Amino acid sequence: MSATIEAREVFAVIPPGIQGYLKQVVSGGKDVDWMPFEIKREYTNAFIIKDGKILLGYKKRGFGVGMYNGFGGKVEPGESSLQGALRELKEEAGITAPLEHAGTLLFLSEGVDHAFNIEIYRADAYSGVVTESV
């Protein structure tokens, strides 16, 4: 069974800037067939959550350019997703953090020849000074 839940049903207060964009889709996976894909590329995304706030970076290039997101990118050959997340966090924000796995996103995007497999990480603390990447 698949259901779309409106944002107001998920959050007591909807964060500013996402009104109208947020939807949560819940599916047991049995009533909808998976779309076929041949290529799956590995990515990471890390979120630092401290004092009820989420540290985000502004995307200057690549997928999601012009938007705010966690820190992440492609997992390099020979790297685990955690190693990739730690590397990307250091490269993009200049910080290190005790990342913990929080979930996985697997999706297709129209016009792209591969599926995106994104391993999501989170931490409640970080070390270093947040700096803008070049």
C-alpha atoms as a PDB file:
ATOM      1  CA  MET A   1       0.000   0.000   0.000  1.00  0.00           C
ATOM      2  CA  SER A   2       1.269   3.444  -0.914  1.00  0.00           C
ATOM      3  CA  ALA A   3       0.257   6.672   0.748  1.00  0.00           C
ATOM      4  CA  THR A   4       1.289  10.282   0.408  1.00  0.00           C
ATOM      5  CA  ILE A   5       1.396  12.164   3.680  1.00  0.00           C
ATOM      6  CA  GLU A   6       1.177  15.932   3.621  1.00  0.00           C
ATOM      7  CA  ALA A   7       4.007  17.860   5.272  1.00  0.00           C
ATOM      8  CA  ARG A   8       1.723  19.248   7.971  1.00  0.00           C
ATOM      9  CA  GLU A   9       1.037  15.661   9.122  1.00  0.00           C
ATOM     10  CA  VAL A  10       4.772  14.964   9.569  1.00  0.00           C
ATOM     11  CA  PHE A  11       6.061  18.186  11.139  1.00  0.00           C
ATOM     12  CA  ALA A  12       4.484  20.203  13.943  1.00  0.00           C
ATOM     13  CA  VAL A  13       6.156  23.239  12.367  1.00  0.00           C
ATOM     14  CA  ILE A  14       7.213  23.170   8.718  1.00  0.00           C
ATOM     15  CA  PRO A  15      10.742  24.566   8.302  1.00  0.00           C
ATOM     16  CA  PRO A  16      10.886  27.870   6.376  1.00  0.00           C
ATOM     17  CA  GLY A  17      11.526  27.648   2.649  1.00  0.00           C
ATOM     18  CA  ILE A  18      10.139  24.167   2.039  1.00  0.00           C
ATOM     19  CA  GLN A  19       6.401  24.770   2.226  1.00  0.00           C
ATOM     20  CA  GLY A  20       4.856  23.115  -0.819  1.00  0.00           C
ATOM     21  CA  TYR A  21       7.957  21.041  -1.620  1.00  0.00           C
ATOM     22  CA  LEU A  22       7.888  18.449   1.150  1.00  0.00           C
ATOM     23  CA  LYS A  23       6.116  15.122   0.746  1.00  0.00           C
ATOM     24  CA  GLN A  24       6.660  11.849   2.541  1.00  0.00           C
ATOM     25  CA  VAL A  25       5.781   8.733   0.594  1.00  0.00           C
ATOM     26  CA  VAL A  26       5.315   5.510   2.494  1.00  0.00           C
ATOM     27  CA  SER A  27       5.195   2.230   0.577  1.00  0.00           C
ATOM     28  CA  GLY A  28       5.412  -1.391   1.590  1.00  0.00           C
ATOM     29  CA  GLY A  29       6.968  -2.128  -1.785  1.00  0.00           C
ATOM     30  CA  LYS A  30       4.537  -4.889  -2.713  1.00  0.00           C
ATOM     31  CA  ASP A  31       1.983  -2.916  -4.694  1.00  0.00           C
ATOM     32  CA  VAL A  32       4.419  -1.034  -6.937  1.00  0.00           C
ATOM     33  CA  ASP A  33       6.965  -2.647  -9.241  1.00  0.00           C
ATOM     34  CA  TRP A  34      10.494  -1.260  -9.117  1.00  0.00           C
ATOM     35  CA  MET A  35      11.596   0.559 -12.260  1.00  0.00           C
ATOM     36  CA  PRO A  36      14.404  -1.324 -13.961  1.00  0.00           C
ATOM     37  CA  PHE A  37      17.943   0.058 -13.929  1.00  0.00           C
ATOM     38  CA  GLU A  38      21.262  -1.389 -15.036  1.00  0.00           C
ATOM     39  CA  ILE A  39      23.743   1.040 -13.498  1.00  0.00           C
ATOM     40  CA  LYS A  40      23.818   2.125  -9.863  1.00  0.00           C
ATOM     41  CA  ARG A  41      26.209   4.857  -8.702  1.00  0.00           C
ATOM     42  CA  GLU A  42      27.194   5.271  -5.060  1.00  0.00           C
ATOM     43  CA  TYR A  43      26.943   8.630  -3.283  1.00  0.00           C
ATOM     44  CA  THR A  44      26.921   9.920   0.289  1.00  0.00           C
ATOM     45  CA  ASN A  45      25.325  12.801   2.140  1.00  0.00           C
ATOM     46  CA  ALA A  46      26.177  13.875   5.696  1.00  0.00           C
ATOM     47  CA  PHE A  47      24.118  16.082   7.986  1.00  0.00           C
ATOM     48  CA  ILE A  48      25.370  17.728  11.162  1.00  0.00           C
ATOM     49  CA  ILE A  49      22.534  18.352  13.620  1.00  0.00           C
ATOM     50  CA  LYS A  50      23.404  20.516  16.615  1.00  0.00           C
ATOM     51  CA  ASP A  51      21.168  22.393  19.045  1.00  0.00           C
ATOM     52  CA  GLY A  52      18.112  21.669  16.886  1.00  0.00           C
ATOM     53  CA  LYS A  53      19.738  23.149  13.774  1.00  0.00           C
ATOM     54  CA  ILE A  54      21.035  21.421  10.638  1.00  0.00           C
ATOM     55  CA  LEU A  55      24.296  22.575   9.050  1.00  0.00           C
ATOM     56  CA  LEU A  56      23.815  22.810   5.280  1.00  0.00           C
ATOM     57  CA  GLY A  57      26.072  23.815   2.411  1.00  0.00           C
ATOM     58  CA  TYR A  58      25.159  25.807  -0.703  1.00  0.00           C
ATOM     59  CA  LYS A  59      25.702  23.717  -3.878  1.00  0.00           C
ATOM     60  CA  LYS A  60      27.965  25.589  -6.299  1.00  0.00           C
ATOM     61  CA  ARG A  61      28.174  22.863  -8.960  1.00  0.00           C
ATOM     62  CA  GLY A  62      26.946  19.416  -9.937  1.00  0.00           C
ATOM     63  CA  PHE A  63      23.674  17.760  -8.995  1.00  0.00           C
ATOM     64  CA  GLY A  64      21.458  20.192  -7.037  1.00  0.00           C
ATOM     65  CA  VAL A  65      23.431  23.324  -7.978  1.00  0.00           C
ATOM     66  CA  GLY A  66      21.941  26.480  -6.452  1.00  0.00           C
ATOM     67  CA  MET A  67      20.308  24.616  -3.566  1.00  0.00           C
ATOM     68  CA  TYR A  68      21.189  23.869   0.038  1.00  0.00           C
ATOM     69  CA  ASN A  69      22.030  20.312   1.041  1.00  0.00           C
ATOM     70  CA  GLY A  70      24.083  18.191   3.380  1.00  0.00           C
ATOM     71  CA  PHE A  71      27.723  17.534   2.536  1.00  0.00           C
ATOM     72  CA  GLY A  72      28.475  14.676   0.191  1.00  0.00           C
ATOM     73  CA  GLY A  73      29.175  13.388  -3.255  1.00  0.00           C
ATOM     74  CA  LYS A  74      30.449  10.376  -5.150  1.00  0.00           C
ATOM     75  CA  VAL A  75      32.051   7.454  -3.352  1.00  0.00           C
ATOM     76  CA  GLU A  76      35.505   6.941  -4.880  1.00  0.00           C
ATOM     77  CA  PRO A  77      36.711   3.484  -6.025  1.00  0.00           C
ATOM     78  CA  GLY A  78      38.057   1.492  -3.070  1.00  0.00           C
ATOM     79  CA  GLU A  79      36.255   3.713  -0.551  1.00  0.00           C
ATOM     80  CA  SER A  80      33.418   2.658   1.740  1.00  0.00           C
ATOM     81  CA  SER A  81      30.406   4.970   1.869  1.00  0.00           C
ATOM     82  CA  LEU A  82      31.463   6.080   5.379  1.00  0.00           C
ATOM     83  CA  GLN A  83      34.981   6.895   4.166  1.00  0.00           C
ATOM     84  CA  GLY A  84      33.470   8.862   1.283  1.00  0.00           C
ATOM     85  CA  ALA A  85      31.154  10.771   3.615  1.00  0.00           C
ATOM     86  CA  LEU A  86      34.035  11.679   5.946  1.00  0.00           C
ATOM     87  CA  ARG A  87      36.187  12.790   2.989  1.00  0.00           C
ATOM     88  CA  GLU A  88      33.416  14.892   1.448  1.00  0.00           C
ATOM     89  CA  LEU A  89      32.602  16.520   4.813  1.00  0.00           C
ATOM     90  CA  LYS A  90      36.259  17.522   5.221  1.00  0.00           C
ATOM     91  CA  GLU A  91      36.588  18.738   1.603  1.00  0.00           C
ATOM     92  CA  GLU A  92      33.322  20.681   1.501  1.00  0.00           C
ATOM     93  CA  ALA A  93      33.039  22.056   5.046  1.00  0.00           C
ATOM     94  CA  GLY A  94      36.526  21.704   6.540  1.00  0.00           C
ATOM     95  CA  ILE A  95      35.269  19.662   9.503  1.00  0.00           C
ATOM     96  CA  THR A  96      35.303  16.125  10.870  1.00  0.00           C
ATOM     97  CA  ALA A  97      32.460  14.394  12.704  1.00  0.00           C
ATOM     98  CA  PRO A  98      31.590  11.041  14.302  1.00  0.00           C
ATOM     99  CA  LEU A  99      29.173  10.066  11.519  1.00  0.00           C
ATOM    100  CA  GLU A 100      26.533   7.378  12.019  1.00  0.00           C
ATOM    101  CA  HIS A 101      24.544   5.736   9.219  1.00  0.00           C
ATOM    102  CA  ALA A 102      20.994   7.131   9.156  1.00  0.00           C
ATOM    103  CA  GLY A 103      19.432   5.668   6.008  1.00  0.00           C
ATOM    104  CA  THR A 104      19.615   4.942   2.294  1.00  0.00           C
ATOM    105  CA  LEU A 105      17.978   6.638  -0.683  1.00  0.00           C
ATOM    106  CA  LEU A 106      17.692   4.804  -4.008  1.00  0.00           C
ATOM    107  CA  PHE A 107      16.087   6.694  -6.865  1.00  0.00           C
ATOM    108  CA  LEU A 108      16.058   7.292 -10.602  1.00  0.00           C
ATOM    109  CA  SER A 109      16.042  10.692 -12.259  1.00  0.00           C
ATOM    110  CA  GLU A 110      14.591  11.331 -15.696  1.00  0.00           C
ATOM    111  CA  GLY A 111      17.243  11.634 -18.384  1.00  0.00           C
ATOM    112  CA  VAL A 112      19.985  10.043 -16.261  1.00  0.00           C
ATOM    113  CA  ASP A 113      21.319   6.612 -17.256  1.00  0.00           C
ATOM    114  CA  HIS A 114      21.908   5.363 -13.713  1.00  0.00           C
ATOM    115  CA  ALA A 115      20.224   4.940 -10.358  1.00  0.00           C
ATOM    116  CA  PHE A 116      21.422   7.059  -7.430  1.00  0.00           C
ATOM    117  CA  ASN A 117      22.228   5.066  -4.289  1.00  0.00           C
ATOM    118  CA  ILE A 118      22.830   7.607  -1.527  1.00  0.00           C
ATOM    119  CA  GLU A 119      23.963   6.527   1.928  1.00  0.00           C
ATOM    120  CA  ILE A 120      22.881   9.128   4.493  1.00  0.00           C
ATOM    121  CA  TYR A 121      24.969   9.866   7.589  1.00  0.00           C
ATOM    122  CA  ARG A 122      24.425  12.151  10.560  1.00  0.00           C
ATOM    123  CA  ALA A 123      26.285  13.451  13.591  1.00  0.00           C
ATOM    124  CA  ASP A 124      25.344  15.557  16.593  1.00  0.00           C
ATOM    125  CA  ALA A 125      28.771  17.183  16.914  1.00  0.00           C
ATOM    126  CA  TYR A 126      31.767  18.142  14.797  1.00  0.00           C
ATOM    127  CA  SER A 127      35.382  19.244  15.156  1.00  0.00           C
ATOM    128  CA  GLY A 128      37.087  22.066  13.314  1.00  0.00           C
ATOM    129  CA  VAL A 129      36.015  25.381  11.867  1.00  0.00           C
ATOM    130  CA  VAL A 130      33.349  25.356   9.164  1.00  0.00           C
ATOM    131  CA  THR A 131      34.910  26.800   6.018  1.00  0.00           C
ATOM    132  CA  GLU A 132      33.635  27.384   2.502  1.00  0.00           C
ATOM    133  CA  SER A 133      34.997  25.045  -0.158  1.00  0.00           C
ATOM    134  CA  VAL A 134      36.697  26.446  -3.235  1.00  0.00           C
END
